[in-house]
């Protein structure tokens, strides 16, 4: 596909100040007939022959459970999502959102099973924010309070939904952002992957993208340190190489808060003539 867009990205993660271990995980991979090809934290890739998948997961639970849960979910996404190419080669064309729903249900059950095997992993769980770029559309999903934003023509939009009652109140206009940020139950999640819950109900969406769009995927650690206005301004001025924007956002978030683990991926969508095709 000659006119396929090129994505350029920068991914960063930082352990919070209260503990040495980072329970966040992030991943970037190209999905194709040969499976998942893990990409570097800073890179550029065409969508001509591969899909591109970006994801952030924030793990939680006692002992070493948090980082294990977040790692499991991303590793499984890298195994399951490329199965669409194998199915297409066999003459089947699975719906991408249905495939994502199956993938999350599968890893939800896997995390719960692993938690049952050891007291150290009891109750382990993770959030997920995942963006799956195909040549035609962006398919996204989230569970918990890890987020995906899009900046287009200077306007910032959160494409995901935080699975907290406080976020719902804020978005319905019942409380303002200051009240939301100070809400005593702002981090009380009613949807997580794992955690011993019998089921999981992710948010899904399929949207179009275009050259000039900027995307941000992040854990709640970034949100703790940055208000919406700061995110909006940073993404609106993000160049085609998003490295400097990612570094600036992480530094500001850590300077302003830095208590929680903080992870982010900034993605710039460029036309083929504006990028470098690494496909």
Protein backbone atom coordinates (compact mmCIF):
# COMPACT_ATOMS: atom_id res chain seq x y z
CA UNK A 1 0.00 0.00 0.00
CA UNK A 2 1.97 2.98 -1.31
CA UNK A 3 -0.04 5.67 0.47
CA UNK A 4 -0.05 4.01 3.90
CA UNK A 5 0.68 6.37 6.75
CA UNK A 6 3.90 6.26 8.73
CA UNK A 7 3.82 6.36 12.50
CA UNK A 8 6.62 7.81 14.58
CA UNK A 9 6.64 7.28 18.32
CA UNK A 10 8.48 7.76 21.60
CA UNK A 11 7.82 5.63 24.69
CA UNK A 12 9.04 6.27 28.24
CA UNK A 13 8.42 4.79 31.68
CA UNK A 14 9.56 5.86 35.14
CA UNK A 15 9.24 4.20 38.55
CA UNK A 16 7.38 6.18 41.19
CA UNK A 17 9.12 7.71 44.17
CA UNK A 18 7.52 5.47 46.81
CA UNK A 19 8.99 2.15 45.64
CA UNK A 20 11.89 0.79 43.59
CA UNK A 21 9.86 -1.53 41.36
CA UNK A 22 7.96 -0.24 38.34
CA UNK A 23 4.57 -1.95 38.04
CA UNK A 24 3.86 -0.26 34.70
CA UNK A 25 4.64 -2.01 31.42
CA UNK A 26 4.53 -0.73 27.87
CA UNK A 27 4.97 -2.33 24.47
CA UNK A 28 5.23 -1.37 20.81
CA UNK A 29 5.04 -4.06 18.16
CA UNK A 30 4.46 -4.51 14.46
CA UNK A 31 1.84 -7.15 13.77
CA UNK A 32 2.13 -9.17 10.58
CA UNK A 33 2.01 -12.65 9.01
CA UNK A 34 5.17 -13.67 10.92
CA UNK A 35 3.70 -12.62 14.26
CA UNK A 36 4.73 -9.72 16.49
CA UNK A 37 7.95 -7.83 15.88
CA UNK A 38 8.84 -5.91 19.03
CA UNK A 39 9.84 -2.34 18.23
CA UNK A 40 12.26 0.01 20.00
CA UNK A 41 10.98 2.63 22.41
CA UNK A 42 11.70 5.30 19.80
CA UNK A 43 11.00 4.47 16.19
CA UNK A 44 9.27 4.93 12.86
CA UNK A 45 7.33 2.36 10.83
CA UNK A 46 5.02 2.28 7.83
CA UNK A 47 1.57 0.73 7.95
CA UNK A 48 1.97 -0.59 4.40
CA UNK A 49 2.60 -4.22 5.29
CA UNK A 50 2.19 -4.34 9.06
CA UNK A 51 -0.25 -3.15 11.66
CA UNK A 52 1.24 -1.28 14.62
CA UNK A 53 0.14 -1.82 18.20
CA UNK A 54 0.94 0.40 21.19
CA UNK A 55 -0.10 -0.40 24.75
CA UNK A 56 0.40 0.66 28.35
CA UNK A 57 -0.58 -1.41 31.39
CA UNK A 58 -0.50 -0.39 35.05
CA UNK A 59 -0.18 -3.41 37.34
CA UNK A 60 -1.47 -3.70 40.88
CA UNK A 61 -1.44 -6.25 43.67
CA UNK A 62 0.73 -7.36 46.58
CA UNK A 63 4.25 -8.79 46.43
CA UNK A 64 5.62 -8.86 42.90
CA UNK A 65 2.14 -9.23 41.44
CA UNK A 66 1.75 -5.80 39.86
CA UNK A 67 4.61 -5.94 37.40
CA UNK A 68 3.82 -9.59 36.60
CA UNK A 69 0.20 -8.78 35.76
CA UNK A 70 1.07 -5.86 33.50
CA UNK A 71 3.76 -7.90 31.74
CA UNK A 72 1.43 -10.86 31.18
CA UNK A 73 -1.27 -8.77 29.57
CA UNK A 74 1.08 -7.09 27.10
CA UNK A 75 2.88 -10.30 26.21
CA UNK A 76 -0.45 -11.95 25.50
CA UNK A 77 -1.59 -9.06 23.31
CA UNK A 78 1.58 -9.52 21.25
CA UNK A 79 0.75 -13.20 20.82
CA UNK A 80 -2.98 -12.94 20.13
CA UNK A 81 -3.36 -9.84 17.93
CA UNK A 82 -1.17 -11.15 15.04
CA UNK A 83 -3.49 -14.16 14.77
CA UNK A 84 -5.69 -11.98 12.54
CA UNK A 85 -3.05 -12.24 9.81
CA UNK A 86 -2.96 -16.01 10.09
CA UNK A 87 -6.74 -16.16 9.92
CA UNK A 88 -6.77 -13.91 6.84
CA UNK A 89 -4.24 -16.17 5.13
CA UNK A 90 -6.61 -19.09 5.75
CA UNK A 91 -9.51 -17.18 4.20
CA UNK A 92 -11.10 -15.92 7.42
CA UNK A 93 -11.33 -12.25 8.28
CA UNK A 94 -12.13 -11.79 11.98
CA UNK A 95 -13.61 -8.54 13.19
CA UNK A 96 -10.84 -6.59 14.90
CA UNK A 97 -12.90 -5.46 17.89
CA UNK A 98 -14.24 -8.97 18.42
CA UNK A 99 -10.67 -10.23 18.29
CA UNK A 100 -9.65 -7.69 20.93
CA UNK A 101 -12.60 -8.69 23.11
CA UNK A 102 -11.51 -12.33 22.92
CA UNK A 103 -7.89 -11.39 23.69
CA UNK A 104 -8.77 -9.43 26.83
CA UNK A 105 -11.15 -12.10 28.09
CA UNK A 106 -8.43 -14.71 27.59
CA UNK A 107 -5.74 -12.76 29.46
CA UNK A 108 -8.23 -11.84 32.20
CA UNK A 109 -8.75 -15.54 32.86
CA UNK A 110 -5.01 -16.22 32.64
CA UNK A 111 -4.14 -13.56 35.24
CA UNK A 112 -6.82 -14.86 37.62
CA UNK A 113 -5.53 -18.41 37.18
CA UNK A 114 -1.95 -17.32 37.89
CA UNK A 115 -3.12 -15.42 40.99
CA UNK A 116 -4.80 -18.55 42.34
CA UNK A 117 -1.52 -20.47 42.13
CA UNK A 118 0.44 -18.35 44.61
CA UNK A 119 -0.26 -16.17 47.63
CA UNK A 120 2.33 -13.67 46.37
CA UNK A 121 0.17 -13.12 43.29
CA UNK A 122 -3.18 -13.09 45.05
CA UNK A 123 -5.45 -10.36 43.72
CA UNK A 124 -3.03 -9.24 41.03
CA UNK A 125 -4.58 -7.16 38.30
CA UNK A 126 -3.75 -4.58 35.65
CA UNK A 127 -5.22 -1.78 33.60
CA UNK A 128 -4.85 -1.65 29.83
CA UNK A 129 -4.88 1.05 27.19
CA UNK A 130 -4.17 -0.32 23.70
CA UNK A 131 -4.15 1.32 20.27
CA UNK A 132 -4.10 -0.95 17.20
CA UNK A 133 -3.38 0.91 13.98
CA UNK A 134 -4.28 -0.82 10.70
CA UNK A 135 -3.92 0.81 7.26
CA UNK A 136 -7.58 1.83 7.42
CA UNK A 137 -8.58 2.40 11.04
CA UNK A 138 -7.51 2.68 14.64
CA UNK A 139 -9.02 0.10 16.96
CA UNK A 140 -8.65 0.85 20.64
CA UNK A 141 -9.59 -0.61 23.97
CA UNK A 142 -9.09 0.22 27.62
CA UNK A 143 -9.80 -1.25 31.02
CA UNK A 144 -9.28 0.84 34.15
CA UNK A 145 -7.82 4.35 34.14
CA UNK A 146 -4.96 4.15 31.64
CA UNK A 147 -5.87 6.50 28.81
CA UNK A 148 -5.61 7.23 25.08
CA UNK A 149 -5.87 10.80 23.81
CA UNK A 150 -5.98 12.22 20.29
CA UNK A 151 -4.92 15.74 19.38
CA UNK A 152 -6.26 17.00 16.04
CA UNK A 153 -6.09 20.60 14.82
CA UNK A 154 -5.23 21.72 18.34
CA UNK A 155 -8.21 20.00 19.98
CA UNK A 156 -7.58 17.29 22.58
CA UNK A 157 -10.02 14.39 23.01
CA UNK A 158 -9.87 11.48 25.42
CA UNK A 159 -10.80 8.42 23.37
CA UNK A 160 -10.97 6.04 26.31
CA UNK A 161 -13.15 5.94 29.41
CA UNK A 162 -11.85 5.77 32.96
CA UNK A 163 -13.69 3.03 34.78
CA UNK A 164 -14.28 5.09 37.92
CA UNK A 165 -17.45 6.74 39.20
CA UNK A 166 -15.56 10.01 39.80
CA UNK A 167 -14.50 10.24 36.13
CA UNK A 168 -18.11 9.75 35.07
CA UNK A 169 -19.19 12.60 37.32
CA UNK A 170 -16.53 14.87 35.82
CA UNK A 171 -17.39 14.06 32.21
CA UNK A 172 -21.10 14.56 32.87
CA UNK A 173 -20.31 18.02 34.21
CA UNK A 174 -21.40 17.21 37.75
CA UNK A 175 -17.98 18.18 39.12
CA UNK A 176 -15.12 20.27 37.71
CA UNK A 177 -11.57 19.02 37.06
CA UNK A 178 -10.30 20.33 40.41
CA UNK A 179 -13.00 18.40 42.27
CA UNK A 180 -12.30 15.31 40.21
CA UNK A 181 -8.59 15.43 41.01
CA UNK A 182 -9.31 15.77 44.73
CA UNK A 183 -12.05 13.15 44.76
CA UNK A 184 -11.41 10.55 47.52
CA UNK A 185 -12.39 7.69 45.18
CA UNK A 186 -10.77 8.93 41.99
CA UNK A 187 -8.65 5.76 41.75
CA UNK A 188 -11.41 3.30 42.73
CA UNK A 189 -11.69 1.15 39.58
CA UNK A 190 -14.78 -0.91 38.85
CA UNK A 191 -13.18 -2.60 35.81
CA UNK A 192 -9.73 -4.24 35.82
CA UNK A 193 -8.05 -7.13 34.07
CA UNK A 194 -7.73 -9.90 36.65
CA UNK A 195 -8.25 -9.05 40.30
CA UNK A 196 -10.33 -12.16 40.84
CA UNK A 197 -13.33 -10.62 39.08
CA UNK A 198 -15.53 -13.13 37.27
CA UNK A 199 -15.62 -11.04 34.10
CA UNK A 200 -14.32 -7.86 32.49
CA UNK A 201 -16.13 -5.26 30.38
CA UNK A 202 -13.60 -3.17 28.42
CA UNK A 203 -14.31 -0.03 26.45
CA UNK A 204 -13.84 -0.42 22.67
CA UNK A 205 -13.85 2.01 19.77
CA UNK A 206 -12.95 2.16 16.09
CA UNK A 207 -11.97 5.57 14.74
CA UNK A 208 -10.37 7.06 11.66
CA UNK A 209 -6.97 8.76 11.84
CA UNK A 210 -5.16 11.11 9.49
CA UNK A 211 -1.73 12.66 8.95
CA UNK A 212 -1.15 15.37 11.53
CA UNK A 213 -2.93 13.51 14.31
CA UNK A 214 -1.05 13.06 17.57
CA UNK A 215 -1.87 10.33 20.07
CA UNK A 216 -0.93 9.84 23.72
CA UNK A 217 -1.24 6.55 25.60
CA UNK A 218 -0.46 6.79 29.30
CA UNK A 219 -0.86 5.37 32.78
CA UNK A 220 -2.54 7.38 35.51
CA UNK A 221 0.85 8.47 36.86
CA UNK A 222 1.11 10.95 34.00
CA UNK A 223 -2.38 12.30 34.67
CA UNK A 224 -1.57 12.78 38.36
CA UNK A 225 1.07 15.33 37.39
CA UNK A 226 -0.51 17.04 34.37
CA UNK A 227 -3.81 18.79 33.86
CA UNK A 228 -5.77 18.50 30.61
CA UNK A 229 -4.67 21.95 29.46
CA UNK A 230 -0.99 21.00 29.71
CA UNK A 231 -1.58 17.79 27.75
CA UNK A 232 -3.52 19.70 25.11
CA UNK A 233 -0.81 22.33 24.61
CA UNK A 234 2.00 19.77 24.46
CA UNK A 235 0.32 17.53 21.89
CA UNK A 236 -0.90 20.44 19.78
CA UNK A 237 2.72 21.57 19.32
CA UNK A 238 4.21 18.08 18.99
CA UNK A 239 6.54 17.80 15.96
CA UNK A 240 6.68 14.80 13.60
CA UNK A 241 9.43 13.37 15.80
CA UNK A 242 7.63 13.11 19.15
CA UNK A 243 10.71 12.35 21.28
CA UNK A 244 11.05 15.82 22.78
CA UNK A 245 7.33 15.98 23.58
CA UNK A 246 7.48 12.65 25.40
CA UNK A 247 10.51 13.70 27.44
CA UNK A 248 8.90 17.03 28.34
CA UNK A 249 5.61 15.45 29.41
CA UNK A 250 7.35 12.86 31.59
CA UNK A 251 9.57 15.47 33.25
CA UNK A 252 6.64 17.77 34.01
CA UNK A 253 4.57 14.94 35.44
CA UNK A 254 7.42 13.76 37.69
CA UNK A 255 8.23 17.30 38.83
CA UNK A 256 4.57 17.94 39.69
CA UNK A 257 3.82 14.57 41.30
CA UNK A 258 6.12 11.62 40.63
CA UNK A 259 4.63 9.44 43.36
CA UNK A 260 3.12 6.81 41.07
CA UNK A 261 4.75 4.87 38.24
CA UNK A 262 4.47 6.92 35.07
CA UNK A 263 4.42 5.60 31.51
CA UNK A 264 3.56 7.18 28.18
CA UNK A 265 3.76 6.67 24.43
CA UNK A 266 3.45 9.67 22.10
CA UNK A 267 2.60 8.85 18.48
CA UNK A 268 2.74 11.13 15.44
CA UNK A 269 0.87 10.16 12.27
CA UNK A 270 2.68 11.36 9.16
CA UNK A 271 2.16 11.01 5.42
CA UNK A 272 4.67 8.72 3.60
CA UNK A 273 6.67 11.67 2.23
CA UNK A 274 7.07 13.07 5.74
CA UNK A 275 8.39 9.95 7.45
CA UNK A 276 10.97 7.24 7.12
CA UNK A 277 9.67 3.88 5.99
CA UNK A 278 11.24 1.18 8.16
CA UNK A 279 8.88 -1.49 6.86
